[in-house]
């Protein structure tokens, strides 16, 4: 399991492809904690950029 530097501002994650399960990523714990540990997240496309929001 990766260790994240304290006060890190960027997180690079791997994208895993599976014919059976689709595409998966693992969201770093510091990001989930900052988002309030949501059960769902939402990806929103705005002006050509992708935003991630907690969606509880």
N, C-alpha and C. Protein backbone atom coordinates (compact mmCIF):
# COMPACT_ATOMS: atom_id res chain seq x y z
N UNK A 1 0.85 -1.18 0.00
CA UNK A 1 0.00 0.00 0.00
C UNK A 1 0.90 1.24 0.00
N UNK A 2 0.64 2.20 -0.88
CA UNK A 2 1.51 3.37 -0.96
C UNK A 2 1.36 4.28 0.24
N UNK A 3 2.43 4.95 0.56
CA UNK A 3 2.42 5.96 1.62
C UNK A 3 2.44 7.32 0.93
N UNK A 4 1.60 8.20 1.38
CA UNK A 4 1.52 9.53 0.78
C UNK A 4 2.28 10.51 1.66
N UNK A 5 3.00 11.41 1.04
CA UNK A 5 3.73 12.43 1.79
C UNK A 5 2.75 13.34 2.51
N UNK A 6 3.12 13.75 3.70
CA UNK A 6 2.28 14.68 4.45
C UNK A 6 2.13 15.98 3.66
N UNK A 7 0.93 16.51 3.62
CA UNK A 7 0.62 17.75 2.89
C UNK A 7 0.78 17.61 1.38
N UNK A 8 0.70 16.38 0.85
CA UNK A 8 0.79 16.18 -0.60
C UNK A 8 -0.38 16.87 -1.29
N UNK A 9 -0.16 17.42 -2.45
CA UNK A 9 -1.19 18.13 -3.21
C UNK A 9 -1.54 17.42 -4.51
N UNK A 10 -0.73 16.45 -4.91
CA UNK A 10 -0.98 15.70 -6.14
C UNK A 10 -0.90 14.22 -5.83
N UNK A 11 -1.81 13.45 -6.44
CA UNK A 11 -1.86 12.02 -6.22
C UNK A 11 -2.02 11.33 -7.57
N UNK A 12 -1.06 10.51 -7.93
CA UNK A 12 -1.14 9.77 -9.19
C UNK A 12 -1.55 8.34 -8.86
N UNK A 13 -2.57 7.85 -9.55
CA UNK A 13 -3.07 6.50 -9.29
C UNK A 13 -3.05 5.69 -10.58
N UNK A 14 -3.01 4.38 -10.45
CA UNK A 14 -3.06 3.49 -11.60
C UNK A 14 -4.51 3.22 -11.98
N UNK A 15 -4.74 2.99 -13.26
CA UNK A 15 -6.06 2.61 -13.77
C UNK A 15 -5.96 1.14 -14.14
N UNK A 16 -6.86 0.33 -13.58
CA UNK A 16 -6.85 -1.11 -13.83
C UNK A 16 -8.00 -1.47 -14.75
N UNK A 17 -7.70 -2.18 -15.82
CA UNK A 17 -8.70 -2.59 -16.80
C UNK A 17 -9.01 -4.07 -16.64
N UNK A 18 -10.28 -4.40 -16.62
CA UNK A 18 -10.72 -5.79 -16.52
C UNK A 18 -11.91 -5.98 -17.44
N UNK A 19 -11.85 -7.01 -18.28
CA UNK A 19 -12.98 -7.30 -19.17
C UNK A 19 -14.24 -7.65 -18.38
N UNK A 20 -14.07 -8.22 -17.20
CA UNK A 20 -15.21 -8.65 -16.39
C UNK A 20 -15.77 -7.54 -15.50
N UNK A 21 -14.89 -6.71 -14.93
CA UNK A 21 -15.32 -5.72 -13.94
C UNK A 21 -15.32 -4.29 -14.46
N UNK A 22 -14.80 -4.05 -15.63
CA UNK A 22 -14.70 -2.68 -16.14
C UNK A 22 -13.41 -2.03 -15.66
N UNK A 23 -13.40 -0.71 -15.61
CA UNK A 23 -12.22 0.04 -15.21
C UNK A 23 -12.31 0.39 -13.74
N UNK A 24 -11.19 0.26 -13.03
CA UNK A 24 -11.16 0.53 -11.60
C UNK A 24 -9.97 1.40 -11.24
N UNK A 25 -10.16 2.24 -10.22
CA UNK A 25 -9.05 2.98 -9.62
C UNK A 25 -9.21 2.89 -8.11
N UNK A 26 -8.15 3.15 -7.42
CA UNK A 26 -8.20 3.22 -5.96
C UNK A 26 -7.92 4.67 -5.59
N UNK A 27 -8.81 5.22 -4.80
CA UNK A 27 -8.68 6.63 -4.42
C UNK A 27 -7.84 6.71 -3.15
N UNK A 28 -6.81 7.54 -3.14
CA UNK A 28 -5.95 7.66 -1.97
C UNK A 28 -6.72 8.11 -0.72
N UNK A 29 -6.36 7.54 0.43
CA UNK A 29 -7.04 7.85 1.69
C UNK A 29 -7.06 9.34 2.02
N UNK A 30 -5.95 10.08 1.78
CA UNK A 30 -6.02 11.50 2.09
C UNK A 30 -7.13 12.23 1.31
N UNK A 31 -7.38 11.81 0.07
CA UNK A 31 -8.44 12.45 -0.72
C UNK A 31 -9.81 12.08 -0.18
N UNK A 32 -10.00 10.80 0.15
CA UNK A 32 -11.30 10.37 0.70
C UNK A 32 -11.59 11.08 2.01
N UNK A 33 -10.57 11.21 2.85
CA UNK A 33 -10.76 11.92 4.12
C UNK A 33 -11.15 13.37 3.90
N UNK A 34 -10.51 14.01 2.94
CA UNK A 34 -10.81 15.41 2.62
C UNK A 34 -12.24 15.56 2.10
N UNK A 35 -12.73 14.51 1.44
CA UNK A 35 -14.09 14.54 0.88
C UNK A 35 -15.14 14.09 1.89
N UNK A 36 -14.72 13.68 3.11
CA UNK A 36 -15.67 13.26 4.12
C UNK A 36 -16.02 11.78 4.02
N UNK A 37 -15.12 10.97 3.44
CA UNK A 37 -15.33 9.53 3.28
C UNK A 37 -16.70 9.19 2.68
N UNK A 38 -16.98 9.69 1.48
CA UNK A 38 -18.29 9.47 0.87
C UNK A 38 -18.50 8.03 0.42
N UNK A 39 -19.75 7.62 0.32
CA UNK A 39 -20.08 6.30 -0.23
C UNK A 39 -20.05 6.33 -1.74
N UNK A 40 -20.27 7.51 -2.34
CA UNK A 40 -20.25 7.68 -3.79
C UNK A 40 -19.48 8.93 -4.13
N UNK A 41 -18.91 8.94 -5.34
CA UNK A 41 -18.31 10.17 -5.87
C UNK A 41 -18.89 10.42 -7.26
N UNK A 42 -18.83 11.68 -7.68
CA UNK A 42 -19.39 12.07 -8.97
C UNK A 42 -18.30 12.75 -9.79
N UNK A 43 -18.22 12.38 -11.07
CA UNK A 43 -17.31 13.02 -12.02
C UNK A 43 -18.14 13.97 -12.87
N UNK A 44 -17.72 15.24 -12.94
CA UNK A 44 -18.46 16.26 -13.68
C UNK A 44 -17.52 16.88 -14.71
N UNK A 45 -17.97 16.96 -15.97
CA UNK A 45 -17.19 17.60 -17.02
C UNK A 45 -17.66 19.05 -17.14
N UNK A 46 -16.73 19.99 -16.90
CA UNK A 46 -17.02 21.42 -16.99
C UNK A 46 -15.92 22.11 -17.78
N UNK A 47 -16.30 22.75 -18.86
CA UNK A 47 -15.37 23.52 -19.69
C UNK A 47 -14.12 22.71 -20.05
N UNK A 48 -14.33 21.44 -20.43
CA UNK A 48 -13.22 20.61 -20.87
C UNK A 48 -12.36 20.05 -19.75
N UNK A 49 -12.70 20.30 -18.48
CA UNK A 49 -11.98 19.75 -17.35
C UNK A 49 -12.90 18.80 -16.60
N UNK A 50 -12.32 17.88 -15.86
CA UNK A 50 -13.10 16.93 -15.08
C UNK A 50 -12.95 17.28 -13.60
N UNK A 51 -14.10 17.44 -12.93
CA UNK A 51 -14.12 17.71 -11.50
C UNK A 51 -14.66 16.48 -10.79
N UNK A 52 -14.16 16.21 -9.58
CA UNK A 52 -14.63 15.09 -8.77
C UNK A 52 -15.27 15.67 -7.53
N UNK A 53 -16.48 15.19 -7.23
CA UNK A 53 -17.24 15.69 -6.08
C UNK A 53 -17.74 14.52 -5.26
N UNK A 54 -17.86 14.72 -3.93
CA UNK A 54 -18.52 13.70 -3.13
C UNK A 54 -20.00 13.79 -3.44
N UNK A 55 -20.67 12.65 -3.43
CA UNK A 55 -22.05 12.61 -3.89
C UNK A 55 -22.94 11.88 -2.91
N UNK A 56 -22.83 12.21 -1.62
CA UNK A 56 -23.70 11.59 -0.61
C UNK A 56 -25.04 12.25 -0.53
